[in-house]
Amino acid sequence: MFSGIVERMGTVQRLISDPPGVRLVIQSAEVARGIRIGDSIAVNGCCLTVVEADQQQGTFGFDAGAETLSRTNLGRLQEGSPVNLERSLKIGDELGGHFVTGHIDGLGHLDQRIDEKDWSTFWFRMPSRLARQLASKGSIAVDGISLTLVDVEDERFSVALIPHTLTITTLGNLQPGDPVNLETDVLAKYVQRQLGGR
């Protein structure tokens, strides 16, 4: 379980083909400290299990299977790509965002970017099936970042981004057409389930 508060941006150091999947090696000295094999880390919001760790080099690796690569933007990463990183919550940790499971519900993409000085409003396109799980002032995780929804339409939604978020996450460099991982609020999923999917 995660909070959607990104700790650091890391960099894809290596992509090692291992059919049908890939070994994804990330560099981030700060996040690498104390990491152990078997730990869970959200990479662009996708929960992955650490399978290798080198604290001296500040790197750690994950095995991503074909399903993960095809259903998330991890399959589009290249060496040198920046990624958002968050270690899993521990009992007693502060929950600054909202409950994020690390299970991606669908791929969206940036539809429109409106910049006003250091602030921005982003509109994201999403699969229409996710619209029933979104509400204005509710929460969504975009590439693992906990964000508050401003407006919600049938196939897109908007968020208002402060300068801090644009600086410390991958959102600052996002351009229209770029893909993002989307995870709706887990509570909204249960409400929809109880209502029979209506």
N, C-alpha and C. Protein backbone atom coordinates (compact mmCIF):
# COMPACT_ATOMS: atom_id res chain seq x y z
N MET A 1 0.85 -1.19 0.00
CA MET A 1 0.00 0.00 0.00
C MET A 1 0.88 1.24 0.00
N PHE A 2 0.43 2.26 -0.73
CA PHE A 2 1.20 3.49 -0.88
C PHE A 2 0.30 4.69 -0.58
N SER A 3 0.89 5.88 -0.56
CA SER A 3 0.12 7.08 -0.27
C SER A 3 -0.01 8.00 -1.48
N GLY A 4 0.77 7.75 -2.53
CA GLY A 4 0.76 8.63 -3.69
C GLY A 4 1.60 9.88 -3.50
N ILE A 5 2.42 9.90 -2.45
CA ILE A 5 3.36 11.00 -2.24
C ILE A 5 4.73 10.52 -2.73
N VAL A 6 5.14 11.01 -3.88
CA VAL A 6 6.39 10.57 -4.51
C VAL A 6 7.58 10.99 -3.66
N GLU A 7 8.47 10.02 -3.38
CA GLU A 7 9.66 10.32 -2.59
C GLU A 7 10.74 10.99 -3.44
N ARG A 8 10.99 10.41 -4.56
CA ARG A 8 12.06 10.87 -5.45
C ARG A 8 11.73 10.49 -6.89
N MET A 9 12.37 11.18 -7.81
CA MET A 9 12.42 10.69 -9.17
C MET A 9 13.69 9.86 -9.31
N GLY A 10 13.58 8.74 -9.98
CA GLY A 10 14.74 7.93 -10.30
C GLY A 10 14.94 7.93 -11.80
N THR A 11 15.99 7.27 -12.24
CA THR A 11 16.31 7.19 -13.67
C THR A 11 16.46 5.73 -14.06
N VAL A 12 15.90 5.36 -15.20
CA VAL A 12 16.08 4.01 -15.72
C VAL A 12 17.54 3.88 -16.17
N GLN A 13 18.28 3.03 -15.46
CA GLN A 13 19.69 2.84 -15.81
C GLN A 13 19.86 1.80 -16.91
N ARG A 14 19.11 0.69 -16.75
CA ARG A 14 19.22 -0.39 -17.74
C ARG A 14 17.87 -1.06 -17.94
N LEU A 15 17.64 -1.52 -19.16
CA LEU A 15 16.50 -2.38 -19.49
C LEU A 15 17.09 -3.66 -20.08
N ILE A 16 16.93 -4.75 -19.35
CA ILE A 16 17.53 -6.01 -19.76
C ILE A 16 16.43 -6.94 -20.23
N SER A 17 16.46 -7.28 -21.50
CA SER A 17 15.43 -8.16 -22.05
C SER A 17 15.51 -9.53 -21.40
N ASP A 18 14.36 -10.03 -20.96
CA ASP A 18 14.26 -11.34 -20.33
C ASP A 18 12.90 -11.92 -20.69
N PRO A 19 12.73 -12.30 -21.99
CA PRO A 19 11.41 -12.70 -22.51
C PRO A 19 10.71 -13.70 -21.61
N PRO A 20 9.38 -13.51 -21.39
CA PRO A 20 8.53 -12.51 -22.05
C PRO A 20 8.52 -11.15 -21.37
N GLY A 21 9.40 -10.96 -20.40
CA GLY A 21 9.40 -9.71 -19.66
C GLY A 21 10.69 -8.93 -19.83
N VAL A 22 11.00 -8.11 -18.82
CA VAL A 22 12.19 -7.29 -18.86
C VAL A 22 12.66 -7.05 -17.43
N ARG A 23 13.97 -6.96 -17.24
CA ARG A 23 14.54 -6.53 -15.96
C ARG A 23 14.72 -5.02 -16.04
N LEU A 24 14.08 -4.33 -15.12
CA LEU A 24 14.10 -2.87 -15.08
C LEU A 24 15.01 -2.44 -13.93
N VAL A 25 16.13 -1.80 -14.25
CA VAL A 25 17.09 -1.37 -13.24
C VAL A 25 17.01 0.16 -13.11
N ILE A 26 16.72 0.61 -11.90
CA ILE A 26 16.51 2.03 -11.60
C ILE A 26 17.66 2.54 -10.73
N GLN A 27 18.06 3.78 -10.97
CA GLN A 27 19.07 4.41 -10.12
C GLN A 27 18.44 5.54 -9.32
N SER A 28 18.61 5.47 -8.01
CA SER A 28 18.22 6.54 -7.08
C SER A 28 18.89 6.22 -5.75
N ALA A 29 19.99 6.91 -5.47
CA ALA A 29 20.76 6.61 -4.27
C ALA A 29 19.92 6.77 -3.01
N GLU A 30 19.03 7.79 -2.99
CA GLU A 30 18.24 8.05 -1.79
C GLU A 30 17.25 6.92 -1.51
N VAL A 31 16.57 6.45 -2.56
CA VAL A 31 15.58 5.39 -2.37
C VAL A 31 16.26 4.05 -2.15
N ALA A 32 17.45 3.87 -2.73
CA ALA A 32 18.17 2.58 -2.61
C ALA A 32 18.61 2.30 -1.18
N ARG A 33 18.78 3.35 -0.36
CA ARG A 33 19.24 3.15 1.01
C ARG A 33 18.25 2.30 1.80
N GLY A 34 18.72 1.19 2.30
CA GLY A 34 17.88 0.34 3.15
C GLY A 34 16.96 -0.60 2.39
N ILE A 35 16.99 -0.56 1.06
CA ILE A 35 16.11 -1.45 0.28
C ILE A 35 16.61 -2.90 0.40
N ARG A 36 15.65 -3.80 0.51
CA ARG A 36 15.97 -5.22 0.56
C ARG A 36 15.22 -5.96 -0.55
N ILE A 37 15.78 -7.05 -0.97
CA ILE A 37 15.10 -7.89 -1.96
C ILE A 37 13.76 -8.34 -1.36
N GLY A 38 12.71 -8.21 -2.16
CA GLY A 38 11.36 -8.55 -1.71
C GLY A 38 10.53 -7.33 -1.33
N ASP A 39 11.18 -6.16 -1.17
CA ASP A 39 10.44 -4.94 -0.86
C ASP A 39 9.56 -4.53 -2.04
N SER A 40 8.48 -3.83 -1.73
CA SER A 40 7.59 -3.30 -2.76
C SER A 40 7.86 -1.82 -2.96
N ILE A 41 7.98 -1.41 -4.22
CA ILE A 41 8.18 0.00 -4.57
C ILE A 41 7.24 0.33 -5.72
N ALA A 42 6.60 1.49 -5.63
CA ALA A 42 5.76 1.96 -6.74
C ALA A 42 6.65 2.71 -7.73
N VAL A 43 6.63 2.23 -8.97
CA VAL A 43 7.38 2.86 -10.06
C VAL A 43 6.35 3.41 -11.03
N ASN A 44 6.26 4.74 -11.11
CA ASN A 44 5.18 5.38 -11.87
C ASN A 44 3.82 4.86 -11.43
N GLY A 45 3.72 4.57 -10.13
CA GLY A 45 2.45 4.11 -9.58
C GLY A 45 2.20 2.63 -9.66
N CYS A 46 3.09 1.89 -10.30
CA CYS A 46 2.91 0.44 -10.48
C CYS A 46 3.72 -0.29 -9.41
N CYS A 47 3.05 -1.09 -8.59
CA CYS A 47 3.72 -1.80 -7.51
C CYS A 47 4.58 -2.93 -8.08
N LEU A 48 5.89 -2.85 -7.81
CA LEU A 48 6.83 -3.86 -8.27
C LEU A 48 7.64 -4.38 -7.10
N THR A 49 8.16 -5.61 -7.24
CA THR A 49 8.95 -6.25 -6.19
C THR A 49 10.43 -6.17 -6.51
N VAL A 50 11.21 -5.70 -5.55
CA VAL A 50 12.66 -5.60 -5.73
C VAL A 50 13.26 -7.01 -5.84
N VAL A 51 14.01 -7.26 -6.91
CA VAL A 51 14.67 -8.56 -7.10
C VAL A 51 16.18 -8.45 -7.09
N GLU A 52 16.70 -7.22 -7.14
CA GLU A 52 18.13 -7.00 -6.98
C GLU A 52 18.34 -5.62 -6.38
N ALA A 53 19.41 -5.48 -5.60
CA ALA A 53 19.69 -4.19 -4.96
C ALA A 53 21.19 -4.04 -4.79
N ASP A 54 21.70 -2.87 -5.16
CA ASP A 54 23.11 -2.56 -5.02
C ASP A 54 23.20 -1.16 -4.38
N GLN A 55 23.34 -1.14 -3.06
CA GLN A 55 23.33 0.14 -2.36
C GLN A 55 24.56 0.98 -2.67
N GLN A 56 25.69 0.33 -2.98
CA GLN A 56 26.89 1.09 -3.34
C GLN A 56 26.68 1.86 -4.65
N GLN A 57 26.01 1.22 -5.60
CA GLN A 57 25.74 1.86 -6.88
C GLN A 57 24.47 2.70 -6.85
N GLY A 58 23.67 2.51 -5.80
CA GLY A 58 22.40 3.24 -5.70
C GLY A 58 21.37 2.76 -6.70
N THR A 59 21.41 1.46 -7.00
CA THR A 59 20.48 0.90 -7.99
C THR A 59 19.67 -0.24 -7.39
N PHE A 60 18.52 -0.50 -8.01
CA PHE A 60 17.68 -1.63 -7.63
C PHE A 60 16.90 -2.05 -8.87
N GLY A 61 16.55 -3.34 -8.92
CA GLY A 61 15.92 -3.87 -10.13
C GLY A 61 14.64 -4.62 -9.84
N PHE A 62 13.81 -4.68 -10.90
CA PHE A 62 12.52 -5.35 -10.84
C PHE A 62 12.34 -6.19 -12.10
N ASP A 63 11.58 -7.27 -11.99
CA ASP A 63 11.17 -8.02 -13.17
C ASP A 63 9.75 -7.60 -13.51
N ALA A 64 9.55 -7.09 -14.73
CA ALA A 64 8.22 -6.69 -15.19
C ALA A 64 7.79 -7.64 -16.30
N GLY A 65 6.65 -8.29 -16.11
CA GLY A 65 6.15 -9.25 -17.08
C GLY A 65 5.42 -8.61 -18.24
N ALA A 66 5.05 -9.43 -19.20
CA ALA A 66 4.40 -8.95 -20.42
C ALA A 66 3.10 -8.22 -20.11
N GLU A 67 2.33 -8.72 -19.13
CA GLU A 67 1.06 -8.09 -18.76
C GLU A 67 1.29 -6.68 -18.23
N THR A 68 2.26 -6.54 -17.34
CA THR A 68 2.58 -5.22 -16.78
C THR A 68 3.06 -4.27 -17.87
N LEU A 69 3.91 -4.76 -18.75
CA LEU A 69 4.47 -3.91 -19.81
C LEU A 69 3.41 -3.45 -20.79
N SER A 70 2.40 -4.28 -21.05
CA SER A 70 1.38 -3.93 -22.03
C SER A 70 0.27 -3.05 -21.45
N ARG A 71 0.05 -3.12 -20.14
CA ARG A 71 -1.06 -2.39 -19.52
C ARG A 71 -0.65 -1.12 -18.78
N THR A 72 0.65 -0.83 -18.75
CA THR A 72 1.15 0.38 -18.08
C THR A 72 2.13 1.09 -19.01
N ASN A 73 2.56 2.27 -18.58
CA ASN A 73 3.55 2.97 -19.41
C ASN A 73 4.97 2.48 -19.15
N LEU A 74 5.14 1.47 -18.31
CA LEU A 74 6.47 0.91 -18.09
C LEU A 74 7.03 0.28 -19.36
N GLY A 75 6.14 -0.21 -20.22
CA GLY A 75 6.58 -0.80 -21.48
C GLY A 75 7.14 0.22 -22.46
N ARG A 76 6.95 1.49 -22.18
CA ARG A 76 7.44 2.56 -23.06
C ARG A 76 8.72 3.23 -22.53
N LEU A 77 9.18 2.75 -21.38
CA LEU A 77 10.38 3.35 -20.80
C LEU A 77 11.62 3.02 -21.62
N GLN A 78 12.57 3.94 -21.59
CA GLN A 78 13.86 3.74 -22.24
C GLN A 78 14.95 4.04 -21.23
N GLU A 79 16.16 3.62 -21.53
CA GLU A 79 17.28 3.96 -20.65
C GLU A 79 17.39 5.48 -20.58
N GLY A 80 17.48 6.00 -19.37
CA GLY A 80 17.52 7.45 -19.17
C GLY A 80 16.18 8.06 -18.82
N SER A 81 15.09 7.30 -18.98
CA SER A 81 13.76 7.82 -18.65
C SER A 81 13.64 8.10 -17.15
N PRO A 82 13.01 9.23 -16.77
CA PRO A 82 12.75 9.48 -15.35
C PRO A 82 11.50 8.72 -14.91
N VAL A 83 11.48 8.30 -13.65
CA VAL A 83 10.31 7.61 -13.10
C VAL A 83 10.05 8.12 -11.69
N ASN A 84 8.77 8.08 -11.27
CA ASN A 84 8.38 8.44 -9.91
C ASN A 84 8.54 7.21 -9.02
N LEU A 85 9.09 7.42 -7.82
CA LEU A 85 9.35 6.32 -6.90
C LEU A 85 8.73 6.58 -5.54
N GLU A 86 8.13 5.54 -4.96
CA GLU A 86 7.62 5.61 -3.59
C GLU A 86 7.75 4.23 -2.96
N ARG A 87 8.40 4.17 -1.79
CA ARG A 87 8.45 2.92 -1.05
C ARG A 87 7.11 2.68 -0.36
N SER A 88 6.79 1.42 -0.08
CA SER A 88 5.50 1.10 0.53
C SER A 88 5.40 1.66 1.94
N LEU A 89 4.16 1.91 2.35
CA LEU A 89 3.88 2.45 3.68
C LEU A 89 4.20 1.44 4.77
N LYS A 90 4.61 1.96 5.91
CA LYS A 90 4.76 1.15 7.10
C LYS A 90 3.67 1.58 8.09
N ILE A 91 3.28 0.65 8.96
CA ILE A 91 2.29 0.98 9.97
C ILE A 91 2.79 2.18 10.78
N GLY A 92 1.96 3.20 10.89
CA GLY A 92 2.33 4.39 11.63
C GLY A 92 2.85 5.52 10.76
N ASP A 93 3.11 5.24 9.46
CA ASP A 93 3.55 6.30 8.55
C ASP A 93 2.45 7.33 8.34
N GLU A 94 2.85 8.56 8.09
CA GLU A 94 1.89 9.61 7.78
C GLU A 94 1.28 9.37 6.41
N LEU A 95 -0.03 9.53 6.31
CA LEU A 95 -0.72 9.36 5.03
C LEU A 95 -1.04 10.74 4.48
N GLY A 96 -0.12 11.27 3.67
CA GLY A 96 -0.29 12.62 3.15
C GLY A 96 -1.15 12.69 1.91
N GLY A 97 -1.33 11.58 1.22
CA GLY A 97 -2.12 11.58 -0.01
C GLY A 97 -3.44 10.84 0.20
N HIS A 98 -3.56 9.67 -0.45
CA HIS A 98 -4.71 8.80 -0.23
C HIS A 98 -4.23 7.36 -0.40
N PHE A 99 -5.07 6.38 -0.08
CA PHE A 99 -4.66 4.98 -0.21
C PHE A 99 -4.50 4.62 -1.68
N VAL A 100 -3.28 4.21 -2.04
CA VAL A 100 -2.94 3.83 -3.41
C VAL A 100 -2.42 2.39 -3.36
N THR A 101 -2.99 1.50 -4.15
CA THR A 101 -2.61 0.09 -4.09
C THR A 101 -1.43 -0.26 -4.98
N GLY A 102 -1.20 0.54 -6.01
CA GLY A 102 -0.15 0.21 -6.97
C GLY A 102 -0.63 -0.71 -8.07
N HIS A 103 -1.94 -0.91 -8.16
CA HIS A 103 -2.54 -1.73 -9.23
C HIS A 103 -3.20 -0.79 -10.23
N ILE A 104 -2.63 -0.71 -11.41
CA ILE A 104 -3.05 0.27 -12.41
C ILE A 104 -4.38 -0.13 -13.03
N ASP A 105 -5.31 0.83 -13.12
CA ASP A 105 -6.63 0.57 -13.69
C ASP A 105 -6.69 0.80 -15.19
N GLY A 106 -5.79 1.61 -15.70
CA GLY A 106 -5.81 1.87 -17.14
C GLY A 106 -4.78 2.92 -17.52
N LEU A 107 -4.52 2.97 -18.80
CA LEU A 107 -3.62 3.99 -19.35
C LEU A 107 -4.43 5.19 -19.80
N GLY A 108 -3.95 6.37 -19.46
CA GLY A 108 -4.52 7.59 -19.99
C GLY A 108 -3.44 8.34 -20.73
N HIS A 109 -3.75 9.55 -21.16
CA HIS A 109 -2.70 10.39 -21.74
C HIS A 109 -3.04 11.85 -21.52
N LEU A 110 -2.00 12.67 -21.50
CA LEU A 110 -2.21 14.10 -21.33
C LEU A 110 -2.88 14.66 -22.56
N ASP A 111 -4.03 15.28 -22.36
CA ASP A 111 -4.82 15.82 -23.46
C ASP A 111 -4.55 17.31 -23.67
N GLN A 112 -4.40 18.04 -22.57
CA GLN A 112 -4.21 19.48 -22.65
C GLN A 112 -3.44 19.96 -21.43
N ARG A 113 -2.53 20.90 -21.68
CA ARG A 113 -1.73 21.46 -20.60
C ARG A 113 -1.87 22.98 -20.65
N ILE A 114 -2.35 23.56 -19.55
CA ILE A 114 -2.54 25.01 -19.47
C ILE A 114 -1.60 25.53 -18.39
N ASP A 115 -0.54 26.22 -18.81
CA ASP A 115 0.46 26.72 -17.87
C ASP A 115 0.21 28.20 -17.58
N GLU A 116 0.23 28.54 -16.29
CA GLU A 116 0.12 29.93 -15.85
C GLU A 116 1.27 30.20 -14.90
N LYS A 117 2.35 30.82 -15.44
CA LYS A 117 3.59 31.02 -14.69
C LYS A 117 4.08 29.64 -14.21
N ASP A 118 4.22 29.44 -12.89
CA ASP A 118 4.75 28.18 -12.37
C ASP A 118 3.67 27.14 -12.07
N TRP A 119 2.41 27.51 -12.29
CA TRP A 119 1.27 26.64 -11.99
C TRP A 119 0.74 26.05 -13.29
N SER A 120 0.05 24.92 -13.19
CA SER A 120 -0.51 24.30 -14.40
C SER A 120 -1.83 23.61 -14.11
N THR A 121 -2.69 23.60 -15.12
CA THR A 121 -3.89 22.75 -15.12
C THR A 121 -3.70 21.73 -16.22
N PHE A 122 -3.81 20.45 -15.87
CA PHE A 122 -3.68 19.36 -16.85
C PHE A 122 -5.03 18.70 -17.04
N TRP A 123 -5.37 18.43 -18.30
CA TRP A 123 -6.52 17.60 -18.64
C TRP A 123 -5.99 16.27 -19.18
N PHE A 124 -6.48 15.18 -18.59
CA PHE A 124 -6.08 13.84 -19.01
C PHE A 124 -7.25 13.10 -19.65
N ARG A 125 -6.99 12.43 -20.75
CA ARG A 125 -7.94 11.49 -21.35
C ARG A 125 -7.84 10.17 -20.60
N MET A 126 -8.96 9.48 -20.47
CA MET A 126 -8.98 8.20 -19.75
C MET A 126 -9.97 7.26 -20.42
N PRO A 127 -9.86 5.96 -20.16
CA PRO A 127 -10.89 5.03 -20.61
C PRO A 127 -12.23 5.42 -19.97
N SER A 128 -13.29 5.47 -20.75
CA SER A 128 -14.59 5.94 -20.25
C SER A 128 -15.11 5.10 -19.09
N ARG A 129 -14.71 3.83 -19.01
CA ARG A 129 -15.18 2.96 -17.92
C ARG A 129 -14.73 3.46 -16.54
N LEU A 130 -13.67 4.28 -16.51
CA LEU A 130 -13.17 4.78 -15.22
C LEU A 130 -13.95 5.98 -14.71
N ALA A 131 -14.72 6.64 -15.58
CA ALA A 131 -15.41 7.88 -15.20
C ALA A 131 -16.35 7.67 -14.02
N ARG A 132 -16.97 6.49 -13.89
CA ARG A 132 -17.92 6.23 -12.80
C ARG A 132 -17.23 6.17 -11.45
N GLN A 133 -15.90 6.05 -11.44
CA GLN A 133 -15.15 5.97 -10.19
C GLN A 133 -14.49 7.30 -9.83
N LEU A 134 -14.82 8.36 -10.57
CA LEU A 134 -14.22 9.67 -10.33
C LEU A 134 -15.29 10.69 -9.95
N ALA A 135 -14.90 11.62 -9.09
CA ALA A 135 -15.80 12.71 -8.70
C ALA A 135 -14.96 13.93 -8.38
N SER A 136 -15.49 15.09 -8.72
CA SER A 136 -14.80 16.34 -8.41
C SER A 136 -14.48 16.40 -6.91
N LYS A 137 -13.27 16.79 -6.60
CA LYS A 137 -12.71 16.85 -5.25
C LYS A 137 -12.35 15.49 -4.69
N GLY A 138 -12.52 14.44 -5.49
CA GLY A 138 -12.06 13.12 -5.10
C GLY A 138 -10.58 12.96 -5.44
N SER A 139 -10.06 11.74 -5.32
CA SER A 139 -8.64 11.49 -5.53
C SER A 139 -8.40 10.54 -6.69
N ILE A 140 -7.25 10.71 -7.34
CA ILE A 140 -6.78 9.80 -8.37
C ILE A 140 -5.26 9.78 -8.30
N ALA A 141 -4.66 8.64 -8.65
CA ALA A 141 -3.21 8.56 -8.75
C ALA A 141 -2.84 8.56 -10.23
N VAL A 142 -2.01 9.53 -10.62
CA VAL A 142 -1.51 9.65 -11.99
C VAL A 142 -0.01 9.40 -11.95
N ASP A 143 0.44 8.31 -12.58
CA ASP A 143 1.84 7.91 -12.49
C ASP A 143 2.31 7.84 -11.04
N GLY A 144 1.40 7.40 -10.16
CA GLY A 144 1.74 7.20 -8.76
C GLY A 144 1.63 8.43 -7.89
N ILE A 145 1.16 9.55 -8.46
CA ILE A 145 1.07 10.81 -7.73
C ILE A 145 -0.37 11.02 -7.29
N SER A 146 -0.59 11.19 -6.01
CA SER A 146 -1.93 11.45 -5.48
C SER A 146 -2.34 12.87 -5.85
N LEU A 147 -3.44 12.98 -6.61
CA LEU A 147 -3.92 14.28 -7.07
C LEU A 147 -5.41 14.43 -6.76
N THR A 148 -5.84 15.68 -6.58
CA THR A 148 -7.25 15.98 -6.35
C THR A 148 -7.90 16.34 -7.68
N LEU A 149 -9.01 15.70 -7.97
CA LEU A 149 -9.75 15.95 -9.21
C LEU A 149 -10.44 17.31 -9.13
N VAL A 150 -10.37 18.06 -10.22
CA VAL A 150 -11.08 19.34 -10.30
C VAL A 150 -12.38 19.14 -11.05
N ASP A 151 -12.31 18.86 -12.35
CA ASP A 151 -13.50 18.60 -13.16
C ASP A 151 -13.42 17.19 -13.75
N VAL A 152 -14.57 16.54 -13.84
CA VAL A 152 -14.63 15.18 -14.39
C VAL A 152 -15.67 15.15 -15.50
N GLU A 153 -15.25 14.70 -16.69
CA GLU A 153 -16.15 14.52 -17.82
C GLU A 153 -16.21 13.04 -18.16
N ASP A 154 -16.95 12.68 -19.21
CA ASP A 154 -17.14 11.27 -19.54
C ASP A 154 -15.83 10.56 -19.91
N GLU A 155 -14.91 11.28 -20.56
CA GLU A 155 -13.68 10.62 -21.01
C GLU A 155 -12.42 11.40 -20.65
N ARG A 156 -12.56 12.40 -19.77
CA ARG A 156 -11.36 13.12 -19.34
C ARG A 156 -11.62 13.81 -18.00
N PHE A 157 -10.52 14.21 -17.37
CA PHE A 157 -10.60 14.90 -16.08
C PHE A 157 -9.45 15.91 -15.99
N SER A 158 -9.62 16.87 -15.07
CA SER A 158 -8.58 17.87 -14.89
C SER A 158 -8.06 17.86 -13.46
N VAL A 159 -6.79 18.29 -13.32
CA VAL A 159 -6.16 18.46 -12.02
C VAL A 159 -5.39 19.78 -12.06
N ALA A 160 -5.28 20.43 -10.90
CA ALA A 160 -4.50 21.66 -10.77
C ALA A 160 -3.20 21.30 -10.08
N LEU A 161 -2.08 21.70 -10.67
CA LEU A 161 -0.77 21.30 -10.17
C LEU A 161 0.02 22.49 -9.65
N ILE A 162 0.53 22.34 -8.44
CA ILE A 162 1.33 23.40 -7.83
C ILE A 162 2.78 23.27 -8.32
N PRO A 163 3.56 24.34 -8.20
CA PRO A 163 4.95 24.29 -8.67
C PRO A 163 5.76 23.14 -8.06
N HIS A 164 5.56 22.85 -6.77
CA HIS A 164 6.31 21.78 -6.10
C HIS A 164 6.10 20.44 -6.81
N THR A 165 4.86 20.11 -7.10
CA THR A 165 4.55 18.84 -7.78
C THR A 165 5.18 18.78 -9.16
N LEU A 166 5.14 19.88 -9.89
CA LEU A 166 5.72 19.93 -11.23
C LEU A 166 7.24 19.78 -11.18
N THR A 167 7.85 20.19 -10.08
CA THR A 167 9.31 20.14 -9.97
C THR A 167 9.82 18.79 -9.54
N ILE A 168 9.14 18.13 -8.58
CA ILE A 168 9.71 16.91 -7.99
C ILE A 168 9.15 15.62 -8.58
N THR A 169 8.27 15.71 -9.58
CA THR A 169 7.73 14.51 -10.23
C THR A 169 7.91 14.61 -11.74
N THR A 170 7.57 13.55 -12.41
CA THR A 170 7.69 13.50 -13.87
C THR A 170 6.64 14.36 -14.57
N LEU A 171 5.63 14.85 -13.85
CA LEU A 171 4.57 15.63 -14.49
C LEU A 171 5.09 16.92 -15.11
N GLY A 172 6.14 17.50 -14.54
CA GLY A 172 6.65 18.77 -15.04
C GLY A 172 7.06 18.73 -16.50
N ASN A 173 7.56 17.58 -16.96
CA ASN A 173 8.03 17.44 -18.34
C ASN A 173 7.00 16.81 -19.27
N LEU A 174 5.81 16.51 -18.74
CA LEU A 174 4.79 15.83 -19.53
C LEU A 174 4.26 16.73 -20.65
N GLN A 175 4.07 16.15 -21.84
CA GLN A 175 3.56 16.88 -22.99
C GLN A 175 2.31 16.19 -23.53
N PRO A 176 1.41 16.94 -24.19
CA PRO A 176 0.20 16.32 -24.74
C PRO A 176 0.53 15.08 -25.57
N GLY A 177 -0.24 14.03 -25.30
CA GLY A 177 -0.04 12.76 -25.97
C GLY A 177 0.75 11.76 -25.15
N ASP A 178 1.49 12.23 -24.14
CA ASP A 178 2.29 11.33 -23.31
C ASP A 178 1.38 10.43 -22.48
N PRO A 179 1.71 9.12 -22.38
CA PRO A 179 0.88 8.18 -21.61
C PRO A 179 1.15 8.26 -20.12
N VAL A 180 0.11 8.01 -19.32
CA VAL A 180 0.23 7.99 -17.86
C VAL A 180 -0.54 6.79 -17.30
N ASN A 181 -0.06 6.28 -16.17
CA ASN A 181 -0.75 5.22 -15.46
C ASN A 181 -1.81 5.83 -14.54
N LEU A 182 -3.00 5.27 -14.57
CA LEU A 182 -4.11 5.78 -13.76
C LEU A 182 -4.58 4.72 -12.77
N GLU A 183 -4.76 5.15 -11.52
CA GLU A 183 -5.39 4.29 -10.52
C GLU A 183 -6.45 5.11 -9.80
N THR A 184 -7.69 4.67 -9.89
CA THR A 184 -8.77 5.37 -9.21
C THR A 184 -8.77 5.02 -7.72
N ASP A 185 -9.51 5.80 -6.96
CA ASP A 185 -9.59 5.61 -5.51
C ASP A 185 -10.19 4.25 -5.20
N VAL A 186 -9.51 3.48 -4.36
CA VAL A 186 -9.98 2.13 -4.03
C VAL A 186 -11.37 2.17 -3.41
N LEU A 187 -11.70 3.21 -2.65
CA LEU A 187 -13.04 3.30 -2.05
C LEU A 187 -14.11 3.44 -3.12
N ALA A 188 -13.80 4.17 -4.19
CA ALA A 188 -14.76 4.33 -5.28
C ALA A 188 -15.05 2.99 -5.96
N LYS A 189 -14.05 2.13 -6.04
CA LYS A 189 -14.25 0.81 -6.64
C LYS A 189 -15.25 -0.01 -5.84
N TYR A 190 -15.11 0.04 -4.51
CA TYR A 190 -16.01 -0.74 -3.66
C TYR A 190 -17.44 -0.18 -3.71
N VAL A 191 -17.56 1.14 -3.77
CA VAL A 191 -18.89 1.74 -3.89
C VAL A 191 -19.55 1.29 -5.20
N GLN A 192 -18.78 1.34 -6.28
CA GLN A 192 -19.34 0.92 -7.57
C GLN A 192 -19.74 -0.54 -7.55
N ARG A 193 -18.92 -1.37 -6.90
CA ARG A 193 -19.21 -2.80 -6.79
C ARG A 193 -20.52 -3.02 -6.02
N GLN A 194 -20.68 -2.30 -4.91
CA GLN A 194 -21.89 -2.45 -4.10
C GLN A 194 -23.13 -1.98 -4.84
N LEU A 195 -22.96 -1.04 -5.73
CA LEU A 195 -24.09 -0.54 -6.53
C LEU A 195 -24.33 -1.39 -7.77
N GLY A 196 -23.60 -2.48 -7.87
CA GLY A 196 -23.82 -3.39 -8.99
C GLY A 196 -23.27 -2.87 -10.30
N GLY A 197 -22.28 -1.96 -10.22
CA GLY A 197 -21.65 -1.47 -11.45
C GLY A 197 -22.46 -0.43 -12.19
N ARG A 198 -23.57 0.03 -11.57
CA ARG A 198 -24.40 1.02 -12.26
C ARG A 198 -23.66 2.35 -12.39
